[in-house]
Amino acid sequence: MKFSDLFLPKIVRSDPKVRINAVNQTSDAALLQQVLKNDKSDEVREAAVQRLKELEQV
């Protein structure tokens, strides 16, 4: 973890595991769409896709 991560929201931190956790906890579809467009990690983007599918079923 970078020192600067302490001042950032979890969804944009450098550690992909932290970002995946943040994706799994959010219910903000617009934020998840941004993650899909901008995140460099395949795993984080896949987590966002899965979370969006979960939210659509509710």
Protein backbone atom coordinates (compact mmCIF):
# COMPACT_ATOMS: atom_id res chain seq x y z
CA MET A 1 0.00 0.00 0.00
CA LYS A 2 1.24 3.43 -0.89
CA PHE A 3 1.21 6.19 1.70
CA SER A 4 -1.00 8.31 -0.56
CA ASP A 5 -3.61 5.52 -0.50
CA LEU A 6 -4.52 6.54 3.03
CA PHE A 7 -6.11 9.68 1.62
CA LEU A 8 -8.01 8.04 -1.24
CA PRO A 9 -11.37 6.27 -1.34
CA LYS A 10 -10.98 2.48 -1.33
CA ILE A 11 -12.38 2.21 -4.85
CA VAL A 12 -9.30 3.98 -6.29
CA ARG A 13 -6.50 2.65 -4.09
CA SER A 14 -3.48 0.94 -5.61
CA ASP A 15 -4.21 -2.54 -4.20
CA PRO A 16 -6.64 -4.45 -6.46
CA LYS A 17 -7.89 -6.53 -3.51
CA VAL A 18 -8.97 -3.36 -1.71
CA ARG A 19 -10.70 -2.11 -4.86
CA ILE A 20 -12.51 -5.44 -5.31
CA ASN A 21 -13.71 -5.27 -1.72
CA ALA A 22 -14.96 -1.72 -2.30
CA VAL A 23 -16.75 -2.80 -5.49
CA ASN A 24 -18.48 -5.62 -3.62
CA GLN A 25 -19.73 -3.21 -0.96
CA THR A 26 -21.10 -0.44 -3.16
CA SER A 27 -24.59 -0.17 -4.57
CA ASP A 28 -23.77 2.84 -6.75
CA ALA A 29 -24.27 1.66 -10.33
CA ALA A 30 -22.73 4.81 -11.79
CA LEU A 31 -19.57 4.27 -9.77
CA LEU A 32 -19.43 0.65 -10.91
CA GLN A 33 -19.73 1.78 -14.52
CA GLN A 34 -16.76 4.09 -13.97
CA VAL A 35 -14.77 1.18 -12.57
CA LEU A 36 -15.62 -0.84 -15.67
CA LYS A 37 -14.37 1.92 -17.94
CA ASN A 38 -11.28 3.00 -16.03
CA ASP A 39 -9.82 0.28 -13.82
CA LYS A 40 -6.63 -1.31 -15.11
CA SER A 41 -7.20 -4.65 -13.34
CA ASP A 42 -9.20 -7.37 -15.08
CA GLU A 43 -10.19 -8.81 -11.71
CA VAL A 44 -11.60 -5.50 -10.48
CA ARG A 45 -13.54 -4.97 -13.69
CA GLU A 46 -14.95 -8.50 -13.46
CA ALA A 47 -15.99 -7.86 -9.86
CA ALA A 48 -17.79 -4.70 -11.03
CA VAL A 49 -19.64 -6.68 -13.71
CA GLN A 50 -20.73 -9.27 -11.15
CA ARG A 51 -21.83 -6.56 -8.70
CA LEU A 52 -23.89 -4.82 -11.38
CA LYS A 53 -25.60 -8.13 -12.16
CA GLU A 54 -26.38 -8.59 -8.46
CA LEU A 55 -27.86 -5.10 -8.24
CA GLU A 56 -30.05 -5.69 -11.30
CA GLN A 57 -31.62 -8.72 -9.62
CA VAL A 58 -32.74 -6.76 -6.57
